[in-house]
């Protein structure tokens, strides 16, 4: 499937492109997986979005949320073995 920018064949600056239904569904799925705490599944959904649309503001925003959540979980996992020590 071609990206919207590839379909026009022009290199002129463009307005913000819509994600399209398929990409929007992957984005919403990523948000839902994130809400369930399933970071890996959320990342998989982001990867299903067309590469040329991954710089879309909405995609970037959700990807940042996923990365932030992944960092928080990583920190908890690293600190977890010491929870019972005084």
N, C-alpha and C. Protein backbone atom coordinates (compact mmCIF):
# COMPACT_ATOMS: atom_id res chain seq x y z
N UNK A 1 0.85 -1.18 0.00
CA UNK A 1 0.00 0.00 0.00
C UNK A 1 0.89 1.24 0.00
N UNK A 2 0.57 2.17 -0.84
CA UNK A 2 1.38 3.38 -0.95
C UNK A 2 0.93 4.43 0.05
N UNK A 3 1.88 5.24 0.46
CA UNK A 3 1.59 6.34 1.37
C UNK A 3 0.95 7.49 0.61
N UNK A 4 0.18 8.33 1.30
CA UNK A 4 -0.46 9.46 0.63
C UNK A 4 0.52 10.36 -0.09
N UNK A 5 1.73 10.54 0.46
CA UNK A 5 2.71 11.41 -0.19
C UNK A 5 3.23 10.78 -1.48
N UNK A 6 3.25 9.46 -1.56
CA UNK A 6 3.72 8.78 -2.75
C UNK A 6 2.69 8.84 -3.87
N UNK A 7 1.43 8.94 -3.50
CA UNK A 7 0.37 8.94 -4.49
C UNK A 7 0.34 10.23 -5.30
N UNK A 8 0.73 11.34 -4.69
CA UNK A 8 0.66 12.62 -5.39
C UNK A 8 1.84 12.82 -6.33
N UNK A 9 2.98 12.22 -6.01
CA UNK A 9 4.16 12.34 -6.84
C UNK A 9 4.82 13.69 -6.77
N UNK A 10 4.41 14.55 -5.88
CA UNK A 10 4.96 15.89 -5.76
C UNK A 10 5.81 15.96 -4.50
N UNK A 11 6.83 16.79 -4.53
CA UNK A 11 7.67 16.96 -3.35
C UNK A 11 7.36 18.28 -2.63
N UNK A 12 6.31 18.97 -3.04
CA UNK A 12 5.93 20.24 -2.41
C UNK A 12 5.42 19.99 -1.00
N UNK A 13 5.55 20.98 -0.11
CA UNK A 13 5.03 20.83 1.26
C UNK A 13 3.53 20.54 1.22
N UNK A 14 3.11 19.69 2.15
CA UNK A 14 1.71 19.26 2.17
C UNK A 14 1.07 19.54 3.51
N UNK A 15 -0.24 19.51 3.48
CA UNK A 15 -0.99 19.59 4.72
C UNK A 15 -0.83 18.27 5.47
N UNK A 16 -1.20 18.28 6.73
CA UNK A 16 -1.15 17.05 7.53
C UNK A 16 -2.07 16.01 6.89
N UNK A 17 -1.55 14.83 6.68
CA UNK A 17 -2.33 13.76 6.07
C UNK A 17 -3.16 13.04 7.12
N UNK A 18 -4.29 12.55 6.67
CA UNK A 18 -5.10 11.71 7.52
C UNK A 18 -4.44 10.35 7.61
N UNK A 19 -4.71 9.66 8.69
CA UNK A 19 -4.13 8.34 8.86
C UNK A 19 -4.82 7.28 8.01
N UNK A 20 -6.07 7.48 7.71
CA UNK A 20 -6.83 6.45 7.02
C UNK A 20 -7.38 5.48 8.04
N UNK A 21 -8.40 4.75 7.67
CA UNK A 21 -9.10 3.89 8.62
C UNK A 21 -8.22 2.77 9.17
N UNK A 22 -7.46 2.12 8.31
CA UNK A 22 -6.62 0.99 8.76
C UNK A 22 -5.56 1.46 9.76
N UNK A 23 -4.86 2.53 9.43
CA UNK A 23 -3.83 3.04 10.33
C UNK A 23 -4.43 3.60 11.61
N UNK A 24 -5.58 4.26 11.50
CA UNK A 24 -6.26 4.79 12.69
C UNK A 24 -6.68 3.65 13.62
N UNK A 25 -7.11 2.53 13.04
CA UNK A 25 -7.49 1.38 13.87
C UNK A 25 -6.28 0.82 14.62
N UNK A 26 -5.14 0.77 13.95
CA UNK A 26 -3.92 0.30 14.62
C UNK A 26 -3.52 1.25 15.75
N UNK A 27 -3.69 2.55 15.50
CA UNK A 27 -3.36 3.54 16.52
C UNK A 27 -4.27 3.39 17.73
N UNK A 28 -5.56 3.26 17.51
CA UNK A 28 -6.50 3.10 18.63
C UNK A 28 -6.25 1.79 19.35
N UNK A 29 -5.92 0.75 18.61
CA UNK A 29 -5.60 -0.54 19.24
C UNK A 29 -4.38 -0.39 20.14
N UNK A 30 -3.39 0.36 19.69
CA UNK A 30 -2.20 0.60 20.50
C UNK A 30 -2.58 1.30 21.81
N UNK A 31 -3.47 2.27 21.70
CA UNK A 31 -3.92 2.99 22.91
C UNK A 31 -4.63 2.05 23.87
N UNK A 32 -5.47 1.18 23.34
CA UNK A 32 -6.21 0.24 24.20
C UNK A 32 -5.26 -0.77 24.85
N UNK A 33 -4.29 -1.29 24.09
CA UNK A 33 -3.31 -2.21 24.66
C UNK A 33 -2.53 -1.51 25.76
N UNK A 34 -2.17 -0.26 25.53
CA UNK A 34 -1.44 0.49 26.54
C UNK A 34 -2.28 0.65 27.80
N UNK A 35 -3.55 0.96 27.63
CA UNK A 35 -4.45 1.10 28.78
C UNK A 35 -4.56 -0.20 29.59
N UNK A 36 -4.39 -1.33 28.89
CA UNK A 36 -4.43 -2.63 29.56
C UNK A 36 -3.07 -3.01 30.14
N UNK A 37 -2.07 -2.19 29.89
CA UNK A 37 -0.74 -2.48 30.41
C UNK A 37 0.07 -3.43 29.54
N UNK A 38 -0.39 -3.66 28.33
CA UNK A 38 0.30 -4.58 27.41
C UNK A 38 1.19 -3.78 26.46
N UNK A 39 2.37 -3.44 26.95
CA UNK A 39 3.29 -2.58 26.21
C UNK A 39 3.73 -3.23 24.89
N UNK A 40 4.08 -4.51 24.96
CA UNK A 40 4.55 -5.19 23.75
C UNK A 40 3.48 -5.19 22.66
N UNK A 41 2.25 -5.47 23.03
CA UNK A 41 1.15 -5.47 22.06
C UNK A 41 0.93 -4.08 21.48
N UNK A 42 1.04 -3.06 22.33
CA UNK A 42 0.89 -1.68 21.86
C UNK A 42 1.95 -1.34 20.83
N UNK A 43 3.19 -1.74 21.08
CA UNK A 43 4.27 -1.50 20.13
C UNK A 43 4.04 -2.23 18.81
N UNK A 44 3.53 -3.45 18.90
CA UNK A 44 3.23 -4.19 17.68
C UNK A 44 2.20 -3.47 16.82
N UNK A 45 1.21 -2.87 17.46
CA UNK A 45 0.20 -2.13 16.71
C UNK A 45 0.80 -0.89 16.05
N UNK A 46 1.69 -0.20 16.74
CA UNK A 46 2.35 0.97 16.15
C UNK A 46 3.16 0.55 14.93
N UNK A 47 3.82 -0.60 15.01
CA UNK A 47 4.63 -1.09 13.90
C UNK A 47 3.78 -1.45 12.68
N UNK A 48 2.50 -1.70 12.89
CA UNK A 48 1.61 -2.04 11.77
C UNK A 48 1.17 -0.80 10.99
N UNK A 49 1.41 0.38 11.55
CA UNK A 49 1.07 1.63 10.86
C UNK A 49 2.09 1.84 9.75
N UNK A 50 1.61 2.29 8.60
CA UNK A 50 2.51 2.53 7.48
C UNK A 50 3.69 3.39 7.93
N UNK A 51 4.87 2.99 7.51
CA UNK A 51 6.10 3.67 7.93
C UNK A 51 6.05 5.18 7.67
N UNK A 52 5.55 5.58 6.52
CA UNK A 52 5.54 7.01 6.18
C UNK A 52 4.57 7.81 7.05
N UNK A 53 3.64 7.15 7.74
CA UNK A 53 2.68 7.85 8.59
C UNK A 53 3.05 7.79 10.07
N UNK A 54 4.17 7.17 10.39
CA UNK A 54 4.58 7.08 11.79
C UNK A 54 5.07 8.41 12.35
N UNK A 55 5.25 9.40 11.49
CA UNK A 55 5.62 10.74 11.95
C UNK A 55 4.40 11.64 12.11
N UNK A 56 3.23 11.07 11.93
CA UNK A 56 1.98 11.80 12.14
C UNK A 56 1.91 12.18 13.62
N UNK A 57 1.46 13.39 13.94
CA UNK A 57 1.44 13.86 15.34
C UNK A 57 0.73 12.91 16.31
N UNK A 58 -0.38 12.32 15.89
CA UNK A 58 -1.10 11.41 16.78
C UNK A 58 -0.29 10.14 17.04
N UNK A 59 0.36 9.63 16.02
CA UNK A 59 1.17 8.42 16.17
C UNK A 59 2.36 8.70 17.09
N UNK A 60 3.00 9.83 16.89
CA UNK A 60 4.14 10.21 17.73
C UNK A 60 3.71 10.33 19.19
N UNK A 61 2.56 10.93 19.42
CA UNK A 61 2.05 11.11 20.78
C UNK A 61 1.83 9.77 21.47
N UNK A 62 1.19 8.83 20.79
CA UNK A 62 0.92 7.51 21.38
C UNK A 62 2.23 6.75 21.57
N UNK A 63 3.13 6.84 20.59
CA UNK A 63 4.42 6.16 20.71
C UNK A 63 5.20 6.68 21.92
N UNK A 64 5.13 7.98 22.17
CA UNK A 64 5.81 8.55 23.33
C UNK A 64 5.20 8.03 24.64
N UNK A 65 3.89 7.91 24.67
CA UNK A 65 3.22 7.35 25.86
C UNK A 65 3.68 5.92 26.11
N UNK A 66 3.79 5.15 25.04
CA UNK A 66 4.23 3.75 25.16
C UNK A 66 5.66 3.70 25.68
N UNK A 67 6.54 4.52 25.13
CA UNK A 67 7.94 4.55 25.57
C UNK A 67 8.05 4.96 27.03
N UNK A 68 7.25 5.95 27.43
CA UNK A 68 7.27 6.40 28.82
C UNK A 68 6.83 5.28 29.74
N UNK A 69 5.76 4.61 29.39
CA UNK A 69 5.24 3.50 30.20
C UNK A 69 6.26 2.37 30.27
N UNK A 70 6.93 2.09 29.16
CA UNK A 70 7.94 1.03 29.13
C UNK A 70 9.09 1.37 30.07
N UNK A 71 9.51 2.63 30.08
CA UNK A 71 10.59 3.05 30.98
C UNK A 71 10.18 2.89 32.45
N UNK A 72 8.93 3.26 32.75
CA UNK A 72 8.46 3.14 34.13
C UNK A 72 8.43 1.67 34.56
N UNK A 73 7.97 0.81 33.68
CA UNK A 73 7.92 -0.62 34.00
C UNK A 73 9.33 -1.16 34.16
N UNK A 74 10.23 -0.74 33.30
CA UNK A 74 11.62 -1.19 33.39
C UNK A 74 12.24 -0.78 34.72
N UNK A 75 11.97 0.43 35.16
CA UNK A 75 12.49 0.90 36.44
C UNK A 75 11.92 0.08 37.58
N UNK A 76 10.64 -0.25 37.52
CA UNK A 76 10.02 -1.06 38.57
C UNK A 76 10.62 -2.45 38.61
N UNK A 77 10.88 -3.04 37.46
CA UNK A 77 11.45 -4.38 37.39
C UNK A 77 12.86 -4.37 37.96
N UNK A 78 13.62 -3.34 37.65
CA UNK A 78 14.98 -3.25 38.17
C UNK A 78 14.97 -3.09 39.69
N UNK A 79 14.04 -2.32 40.20
CA UNK A 79 13.98 -2.07 41.63
C UNK A 79 13.27 -3.18 42.41
N UNK A 80 12.46 -3.96 41.74
CA UNK A 80 11.63 -4.95 42.40
C UNK A 80 12.38 -5.95 43.28
N UNK A 81 13.52 -6.52 42.86
CA UNK A 81 14.17 -7.52 43.72
C UNK A 81 14.56 -7.02 45.11
N UNK A 82 14.64 -5.70 45.29
CA UNK A 82 15.07 -5.14 46.56
C UNK A 82 13.92 -4.65 47.41
N UNK A 83 12.70 -4.97 47.07
CA UNK A 83 11.57 -4.41 47.78
C UNK A 83 11.51 -4.87 49.23
N UNK A 84 12.02 -6.05 49.55
CA UNK A 84 11.88 -6.56 50.90
C UNK A 84 13.12 -6.31 51.77
N UNK A 85 14.13 -5.65 51.24
CA UNK A 85 15.34 -5.37 52.02
C UNK A 85 15.21 -4.04 52.75
N UNK A 86 15.81 -4.01 53.92
CA UNK A 86 15.79 -2.76 54.70
C UNK A 86 17.14 -2.11 54.73
